[in-house]
Amino acid sequence: MAQKSKEVYASLLKDSVLNVPEYVPGKTTSQIVAEYGLNPDTVIKLNANENPLGPSKKVTKAIQKEAENASLYPTADASALRAALVGYTGFPAENIVASGPGMDSLIDGINKLFVGEGDEVIVPVPTFTYYGISAASLGGVPVYVNLNDDYSLNVNAILDAVTEKTKIIWLCSPNNPTGTVVDAEDVRKLAEQTKTIIFIDEAYIEFSKAGSLSALIKEYDNIVIGRTFSKAFGLAGMRLGYVIASEQIVSGLLRVLPPFAVSILAEVAAIAAIDDKEYLESGVAMVQAEREKLVDAIEKTPYKAYPSEGNFIIADVSPKASKEAVDAFLRKGIIIRSCDSFQNIGKNTVRITVGTPEMNQKVIEAFKYLSDEK
C-alpha cells in the first residue's frame, strides 16, 4: 500500500518541483547545542543576521497586551500596519503591502504575479538564494549572473543575460552575504533598458549609510522595494515583511497573497517597533560602529574582512576552508555561517552577524585562535 501511495504521489507531483534546490538556512542554537554538546547559556549566535539586542520593550508590552485577542482574526490586509508604514516610508498606503511569513511570502507573491513555466528571472550571485528557489517552484528558470570581483553589480552582464523570457531582475541592497549596495544609476539603467520588474531587496537598509533606493519607485513603475522587520527591528520570529511598489503591483499582490497573513500579534509588534524610533536608531548606530571595529580587527589577523553596509560582514579565511573556521568558532561557543551554500563565493568565506561589543570581542579572539591552529 505504501509503495502504491508513493507511485501516486510521484505521478501527481509537478515536474518543476523536482528541479527546485533546497533552501539552506543557518542552524538554530538548539541544533548546534545538541550537535556539539555546548552550554546553551554561553553560546553566541551570529549566523542568521538577527538583532542581538532583541525587540524593544515597547514591542514586548504591545504583544503582551494584545495576546488576549489571539482568538480573533486580524484584518485581511494588515491595514493598521500599512497606515503606520505610511509615516515610516513616506509612501501612501496604496503603495504598500504588508505580509508574512517574512519577506519570503512577498518574493513568492512577485514571482506568482510575473513568472510562469519557462519564464526567466535574473539573479546576480552571490546573493540570497530564495529568489531563484521561489521562481523555480513555479516553473521559472533562474539565470545566475556573477557579480564583479569586488562584489559590485555587473550591469552589462545582466543586460547581456536579458531575453524575451526575462520577467524579473532580483537585486539585494545591501546584498546578503557581501554587504555591498547597488548604485541608483545602475538601477535606472536596468529599468530603462529592459522590460522587466526590478525587485530591490532592502532587508538590511536601516544599517546602510548609503540610503534607500525607494525614491526610484516614483520614477519607474517597474521597480519594487522589499523590506523586513526581521533585522533592524528585531522581529525575526514574527515573520513579517512589506513591499513598496506601484498601485498596479500592490493591487496584484493583494490578489495572490493569502489573506490574514499578518497575525494580530505580529501587527501590533511591528507598529510598536516603528513607534520606538529611539531604540531603532541606537541599535543601528551600535551596528555601524561595531562592524567597522570588527573589520579593522580581523584585518590585523592573517584573514581578510570586507566592509559592509549590513548588520554582518564576510571574511576570507584562506587557506582554511569555511567549514573548518565554523567548527573552530563552535569550539569557542560562537555560531557563524559558512557561505558554501551561496553561489560564486568559493569555499573559504564565512559570514558573521555584527553582535554587541562583548560578542564581537569574542569573535576577534576566535579569529586569533583560528590563526594559531595548525
Protein backbone atom coordinates (compact mmCIF):
# COMPACT_ATOMS: atom_id res chain seq x y z
CA MET A 1 0.00 0.00 0.00
CA ALA A 2 2.83 2.37 0.90
CA GLN A 3 4.54 1.70 -2.43
CA LYS A 4 1.34 2.47 -4.31
CA SER A 5 0.97 5.76 -2.40
CA LYS A 6 4.49 6.74 -3.40
CA GLU A 7 3.71 6.00 -7.04
CA VAL A 8 0.55 8.12 -6.91
CA TYR A 9 2.49 10.95 -5.28
CA ALA A 10 5.19 10.77 -7.94
CA SER A 11 2.61 10.85 -10.74
CA LEU A 12 0.88 13.92 -9.30
CA LEU A 13 4.00 15.93 -8.43
CA LYS A 14 4.78 18.83 -10.76
CA ASP A 15 7.96 18.28 -12.77
CA SER A 16 9.17 21.78 -11.91
CA VAL A 17 9.27 20.93 -8.19
CA LEU A 18 11.85 18.22 -8.83
CA ASN A 19 14.28 20.91 -10.01
CA VAL A 20 13.83 23.20 -7.00
CA PRO A 21 17.00 23.33 -4.86
CA GLU A 22 16.56 23.09 -1.12
CA TYR A 23 16.95 26.31 0.85
CA VAL A 24 19.84 26.03 3.32
CA PRO A 25 19.23 28.16 6.45
CA GLY A 26 21.64 28.84 9.27
CA LYS A 27 21.33 26.31 12.09
CA THR A 28 19.43 27.20 15.25
CA THR A 29 21.08 27.41 18.66
CA SER A 30 19.29 24.25 19.83
CA GLN A 31 20.57 22.32 16.80
CA ILE A 32 24.14 23.47 17.40
CA VAL A 33 23.96 22.79 21.14
CA ALA A 34 22.74 19.24 20.51
CA GLU A 35 25.31 18.57 17.79
CA TYR A 36 28.37 19.92 19.63
CA GLY A 37 27.36 19.40 23.26
CA LEU A 38 27.67 23.10 24.12
CA ASN A 39 26.25 25.01 27.08
CA PRO A 40 23.22 26.88 25.68
CA ASP A 41 23.69 29.69 28.20
CA THR A 42 27.10 30.62 26.83
CA VAL A 43 26.54 30.15 23.09
CA ILE A 44 26.78 33.29 20.92
CA LYS A 45 24.58 33.04 17.81
CA LEU A 46 25.93 35.12 14.95
CA ASN A 47 24.91 33.10 11.89
CA ALA A 48 21.47 34.43 10.88
CA ASN A 49 21.83 38.25 10.93
CA GLU A 50 19.38 38.57 13.80
CA ASN A 51 19.32 41.59 16.10
CA PRO A 52 21.46 40.72 19.16
CA LEU A 53 19.62 43.34 21.23
CA GLY A 54 16.21 41.79 20.57
CA PRO A 55 12.99 43.80 20.20
CA SER A 56 12.30 46.99 22.13
CA LYS A 57 10.36 46.92 25.39
CA LYS A 58 7.52 48.74 23.64
CA VAL A 59 7.21 45.72 21.36
CA THR A 60 7.07 43.15 24.15
CA LYS A 61 4.50 45.22 26.04
CA ALA A 62 2.35 45.55 22.92
CA ILE A 63 2.45 41.78 22.35
CA GLN A 64 1.53 41.04 25.96
CA LYS A 65 -1.36 43.50 25.84
CA GLU A 66 -2.74 42.10 22.58
CA ALA A 67 -2.27 38.41 23.49
CA GLU A 68 -5.81 38.17 24.89
CA ASN A 69 -7.14 38.83 21.38
CA ALA A 70 -5.25 35.92 19.83
CA SER A 71 -8.56 34.10 19.22
CA LEU A 72 -9.64 36.78 16.73
CA TYR A 73 -8.79 37.07 13.04
CA PRO A 74 -6.63 40.04 12.02
CA THR A 75 -7.62 42.34 9.17
CA ALA A 76 -7.18 40.71 5.78
CA ASP A 77 -4.63 43.28 4.54
CA ALA A 78 -2.89 44.44 7.76
CA SER A 79 -4.45 47.88 7.30
CA ALA A 80 -3.26 49.27 10.65
CA LEU A 81 0.34 48.33 9.88
CA ARG A 82 0.11 49.76 6.38
CA ALA A 83 -1.09 53.01 7.93
CA ALA A 84 1.90 53.02 10.30
CA LEU A 85 4.23 52.37 7.38
CA VAL A 86 2.92 55.46 5.61
CA GLY A 87 4.72 57.61 8.15
CA TYR A 88 7.84 55.45 8.19
CA THR A 89 8.31 55.12 4.43
CA GLY A 90 6.78 58.35 3.12
CA PHE A 91 4.59 56.41 0.69
CA PRO A 92 0.77 56.23 0.76
CA ALA A 93 -0.95 53.01 1.84
CA GLU A 94 -1.92 52.34 -1.78
CA ASN A 95 1.78 51.74 -2.49
CA ILE A 96 2.37 49.36 0.43
CA VAL A 97 1.67 45.66 1.04
CA ALA A 98 2.50 44.01 4.37
CA SER A 99 2.52 40.23 4.61
CA GLY A 100 4.06 37.17 6.20
CA PRO A 101 5.91 34.94 6.67
CA GLY A 102 8.72 37.45 6.38
CA MET A 103 9.72 38.91 3.03
CA ASP A 104 9.75 35.37 1.63
CA SER A 105 5.99 35.46 1.05
CA LEU A 106 6.36 38.71 -0.89
CA ILE A 107 9.13 37.20 -3.02
CA ASP A 108 6.73 34.34 -3.74
CA GLY A 109 3.98 36.85 -4.49
CA ILE A 110 6.06 38.79 -7.02
CA ASN A 111 7.06 35.56 -8.73
CA LYS A 112 3.42 34.43 -8.82
CA LEU A 113 2.45 37.68 -10.49
CA PHE A 114 5.01 37.56 -13.26
CA VAL A 115 6.67 34.14 -13.60
CA GLY A 116 5.17 31.18 -15.44
CA GLU A 117 6.50 27.95 -16.91
CA GLY A 118 9.74 28.65 -18.79
CA ASP A 119 9.96 32.33 -17.84
CA GLU A 120 13.35 33.57 -16.68
CA VAL A 121 14.50 35.60 -13.70
CA ILE A 122 17.98 37.05 -13.37
CA VAL A 123 19.79 36.62 -10.06
CA PRO A 124 23.23 38.25 -9.57
CA VAL A 125 25.31 36.00 -7.33
CA PRO A 126 26.35 35.57 -4.62
CA THR A 127 23.09 36.66 -3.02
CA PHE A 128 20.08 35.47 -1.02
CA THR A 129 19.24 32.09 -2.54
CA TYR A 130 15.45 32.15 -2.16
CA TYR A 131 14.83 34.35 -5.21
CA GLY A 132 15.79 31.53 -7.56
CA ILE A 133 14.21 28.82 -5.42
CA SER A 134 10.86 30.62 -5.43
CA ALA A 135 10.90 31.19 -9.19
CA ALA A 136 11.88 27.57 -9.88
CA SER A 137 8.97 26.31 -7.78
CA LEU A 138 6.63 27.99 -10.29
CA GLY A 139 8.37 26.53 -13.31
CA GLY A 140 10.57 29.58 -13.80
CA VAL A 141 14.22 29.43 -14.83
CA PRO A 142 16.76 31.28 -12.65
CA VAL A 143 19.59 32.78 -14.71
CA TYR A 144 22.60 33.41 -12.49
CA VAL A 145 24.97 36.28 -13.34
CA ASN A 146 28.21 36.73 -11.39
CA LEU A 147 28.91 39.94 -9.54
CA ASN A 148 32.20 41.68 -10.24
CA ASP A 149 35.31 40.56 -8.35
CA ASP A 150 34.71 43.33 -5.78
CA TYR A 151 31.08 42.10 -5.42
CA SER A 152 29.67 45.18 -7.16
CA LEU A 153 26.85 44.79 -9.67
CA ASN A 154 27.88 43.85 -13.22
CA VAL A 155 25.17 45.76 -15.06
CA ASN A 156 26.42 44.96 -18.55
CA ALA A 157 26.47 41.24 -17.79
CA ILE A 158 22.89 41.47 -16.52
CA LEU A 159 21.77 43.31 -19.66
CA ASP A 160 23.51 40.68 -21.80
CA ALA A 161 21.58 37.96 -19.93
CA VAL A 162 18.15 39.55 -20.55
CA THR A 163 15.99 37.75 -23.12
CA GLU A 164 12.37 37.95 -24.24
CA LYS A 165 11.63 35.43 -21.47
CA THR A 166 13.10 37.58 -18.67
CA LYS A 167 10.43 38.74 -16.22
CA ILE A 168 12.28 39.84 -13.08
CA ILE A 169 15.76 41.04 -12.12
CA TRP A 170 16.40 40.35 -8.42
CA LEU A 171 18.73 42.75 -6.62
CA CYS A 172 19.69 42.86 -2.95
CA SER A 173 20.98 46.10 -1.41
CA PRO A 174 22.76 45.80 0.98
CA ASN A 175 23.48 42.42 -0.53
CA ASN A 176 23.42 39.25 1.54
CA PRO A 177 26.10 37.96 2.06
CA THR A 178 28.54 40.54 0.65
CA GLY A 179 27.21 43.71 2.31
CA THR A 180 27.60 45.73 -0.90
CA VAL A 181 25.00 48.21 -2.13
CA VAL A 182 23.50 48.86 -5.56
CA ASP A 183 24.04 52.22 -7.24
CA ALA A 184 20.92 54.19 -8.22
CA GLU A 185 22.25 54.87 -11.71
CA ASP A 186 22.72 51.14 -12.30
CA VAL A 187 19.11 50.55 -11.32
CA ARG A 188 17.95 53.33 -13.64
CA LYS A 189 19.90 51.74 -16.47
CA LEU A 190 18.23 48.37 -15.88
CA ALA A 191 14.78 49.92 -15.51
CA GLU A 192 15.09 51.91 -18.72
CA GLN A 193 16.81 49.32 -20.91
CA THR A 194 14.72 46.26 -20.01
CA LYS A 195 11.04 45.37 -19.94
CA THR A 196 11.29 43.61 -16.61
CA ILE A 197 10.39 44.03 -12.97
CA ILE A 198 13.37 45.24 -10.91
CA PHE A 199 12.98 43.95 -7.36
CA ILE A 200 15.33 45.51 -4.80
CA ASP A 201 15.54 43.63 -1.51
CA GLU A 202 16.27 46.20 1.21
CA ALA A 203 16.07 43.85 4.19
CA TYR A 204 19.18 45.49 5.67
CA ILE A 205 18.61 49.07 4.53
CA GLU A 206 18.34 50.56 8.02
CA PHE A 207 22.01 49.68 8.59
CA SER A 208 23.21 51.30 5.37
CA LYS A 209 24.73 54.76 5.27
CA ALA A 210 24.10 54.80 1.51
CA GLY A 211 20.33 55.16 1.98
CA SER A 212 17.30 53.60 0.35
CA LEU A 213 16.52 53.43 -3.37
CA SER A 214 12.77 53.66 -2.74
CA ALA A 215 12.55 57.12 -4.36
CA LEU A 216 13.07 55.38 -7.72
CA ILE A 217 9.54 53.97 -7.45
CA LYS A 218 8.29 57.50 -8.18
CA GLU A 219 10.28 57.47 -11.42
CA TYR A 220 9.68 53.91 -12.63
CA ASP A 221 6.58 51.72 -12.33
CA ASN A 222 8.64 48.55 -12.79
CA ILE A 223 10.72 48.97 -9.61
CA VAL A 224 9.67 47.18 -6.43
CA ILE A 225 11.23 47.58 -2.98
CA GLY A 226 11.06 44.75 -0.43
CA ARG A 227 11.77 45.13 3.27
CA THR A 228 11.52 43.18 6.50
CA PHE A 229 11.01 43.61 10.25
CA SER A 230 13.41 40.71 10.94
CA LYS A 231 16.67 42.64 11.06
CA ALA A 232 16.91 46.20 12.45
CA PHE A 233 13.55 45.91 14.23
CA GLY A 234 14.47 42.62 15.93
CA LEU A 235 11.30 40.75 14.93
CA ALA A 236 12.66 37.75 13.00
CA GLY A 237 10.42 35.40 14.98
CA MET A 238 7.32 37.36 13.95
CA ARG A 239 7.98 36.68 10.24
CA LEU A 240 6.83 39.96 8.74
CA GLY A 241 7.79 41.90 5.62
CA TYR A 242 6.43 44.58 3.33
CA VAL A 243 6.68 45.84 -0.23
CA ILE A 244 6.63 49.36 -1.66
CA ALA A 245 5.52 49.43 -5.29
CA SER A 246 3.19 50.99 -7.84
CA GLU A 247 -0.54 50.78 -7.19
CA GLN A 248 -0.90 48.24 -10.01
CA ILE A 249 1.65 45.87 -8.48
CA VAL A 250 0.21 46.34 -4.98
CA SER A 251 -3.24 45.50 -6.33
CA GLY A 252 -1.87 42.37 -7.96
CA LEU A 253 -0.06 41.25 -4.81
CA LEU A 254 -3.21 41.62 -2.73
CA ARG A 255 -4.86 39.18 -5.15
CA VAL A 256 -2.22 36.45 -4.97
CA LEU A 257 -1.07 36.72 -1.35
CA PRO A 258 -3.06 34.81 1.28
CA PRO A 259 -5.46 36.91 3.37
CA PHE A 260 -4.90 37.26 7.13
CA ALA A 261 -1.17 36.60 6.58
CA VAL A 262 -0.14 39.07 9.30
CA SER A 263 -1.21 37.87 12.75
CA ILE A 264 -2.65 40.22 15.35
CA LEU A 265 0.49 39.86 17.49
CA ALA A 266 2.87 40.44 14.58
CA GLU A 267 0.96 43.55 13.52
CA VAL A 268 0.98 45.23 16.93
CA ALA A 269 4.64 44.27 17.38
CA ALA A 270 5.59 45.91 14.10
CA ILE A 271 3.59 49.06 14.84
CA ALA A 272 5.25 49.35 18.26
CA ALA A 273 8.68 48.81 16.69
CA ILE A 274 8.09 51.61 14.20
CA ASP A 275 6.97 53.85 17.04
CA ASP A 276 10.15 53.26 19.07
CA LYS A 277 12.40 55.35 16.84
CA GLU A 278 15.00 55.96 19.56
CA TYR A 279 15.52 52.21 20.10
CA LEU A 280 15.85 51.61 16.37
CA GLU A 281 18.38 54.39 15.90
CA SER A 282 20.53 53.33 18.86
CA GLY A 283 20.65 49.73 17.65
CA VAL A 284 21.61 50.80 14.14
CA ALA A 285 24.32 53.13 15.48
CA MET A 286 25.80 50.27 17.51
CA VAL A 287 25.96 48.00 14.45
CA GLN A 288 27.52 50.69 12.26
CA ALA A 289 30.24 51.38 14.81
CA GLU A 290 30.89 47.74 15.69
CA ARG A 291 31.10 46.43 12.12
CA GLU A 292 33.95 48.86 11.37
CA LYS A 293 35.79 47.77 14.51
CA LEU A 294 35.26 44.14 13.58
CA VAL A 295 36.61 44.58 10.05
CA ASP A 296 39.64 46.52 11.32
CA ALA A 297 40.42 43.88 13.94
CA ILE A 298 40.13 40.95 11.52
CA GLU A 299 42.39 42.75 9.07
CA LYS A 300 45.11 42.59 11.74
CA THR A 301 44.93 38.77 11.63
CA PRO A 302 46.02 36.67 8.62
CA TYR A 303 42.47 36.88 7.23
CA LYS A 304 40.66 39.37 5.01
CA ALA A 305 37.42 41.08 6.06
CA TYR A 306 35.19 43.07 3.71
CA PRO A 307 33.46 46.38 4.52
CA SER A 308 29.69 46.04 4.75
CA GLU A 309 26.55 48.14 4.75
CA GLY A 310 24.54 45.42 6.50
CA ASN A 311 24.49 44.07 10.05
CA PHE A 312 27.00 41.40 9.06
CA ILE A 313 30.41 41.06 7.44
CA ILE A 314 32.12 38.39 5.39
CA ALA A 315 35.69 37.23 5.87
CA ASP A 316 38.00 35.16 3.70
CA VAL A 317 39.65 32.58 5.95
CA SER A 318 42.01 31.16 3.31
CA PRO A 319 43.90 28.86 3.37
CA LYS A 320 41.37 27.29 5.71
CA ALA A 321 38.04 26.10 4.37
CA SER A 322 34.97 27.93 5.65
CA LYS A 323 33.68 24.80 7.38
CA GLU A 324 36.98 24.47 9.26
CA ALA A 325 36.56 28.03 10.51
CA VAL A 326 32.94 27.42 11.51
CA ASP A 327 33.98 24.34 13.51
CA ALA A 328 36.81 26.23 15.20
CA PHE A 329 34.42 29.01 16.21
CA LEU A 330 31.92 26.48 17.52
CA ARG A 331 34.57 25.09 19.82
CA LYS A 332 34.66 28.60 21.27
CA GLY A 333 30.86 28.63 21.58
CA ILE A 334 30.30 31.04 18.64
CA ILE A 335 27.96 30.16 15.77
CA ILE A 336 28.88 31.77 12.44
CA ARG A 337 27.77 30.95 8.88
CA SER A 338 29.71 29.13 6.20
CA CYS A 339 28.99 30.71 2.81
CA ASP A 340 29.35 27.41 0.95
CA SER A 341 25.63 27.37 0.09
CA PHE A 342 25.94 30.69 -1.78
CA GLN A 343 26.95 30.62 -5.44
CA ASN A 344 30.11 32.33 -6.71
CA ILE A 345 31.81 32.94 -3.39
CA GLY A 346 34.11 29.93 -3.05
CA LYS A 347 34.77 27.60 -0.13
CA ASN A 348 36.80 29.92 2.10
CA THR A 349 34.27 32.57 3.12
CA VAL A 350 32.30 32.94 6.35
CA ARG A 351 29.58 35.41 7.27
CA ILE A 352 29.37 36.87 10.76
CA THR A 353 26.50 38.85 12.23
CA VAL A 354 27.64 42.01 14.00
CA GLY A 355 26.89 41.47 17.66
CA THR A 356 27.24 43.53 20.81
CA PRO A 357 30.71 44.85 21.73
CA GLU A 358 31.17 41.93 24.13
CA MET A 359 30.18 39.39 21.46
CA ASN A 360 32.41 40.97 18.86
CA GLN A 361 35.41 40.90 21.19
CA LYS A 362 34.96 37.13 21.48
CA VAL A 363 34.76 36.90 17.70
CA ILE A 364 38.09 38.73 17.41
CA GLU A 365 39.64 36.37 19.95
CA ALA A 366 38.27 33.41 17.96
CA PHE A 367 39.97 34.70 14.81
CA LYS A 368 43.27 34.84 16.70
CA TYR A 369 42.63 31.28 17.91
CA LEU A 370 41.90 30.23 14.32
CA SER A 371 45.18 31.67 13.08
CA ASP A 372 47.10 29.79 15.78
CA GLU A 373 45.52 26.44 14.83
CA LYS A 374 47.70 24.07 12.79
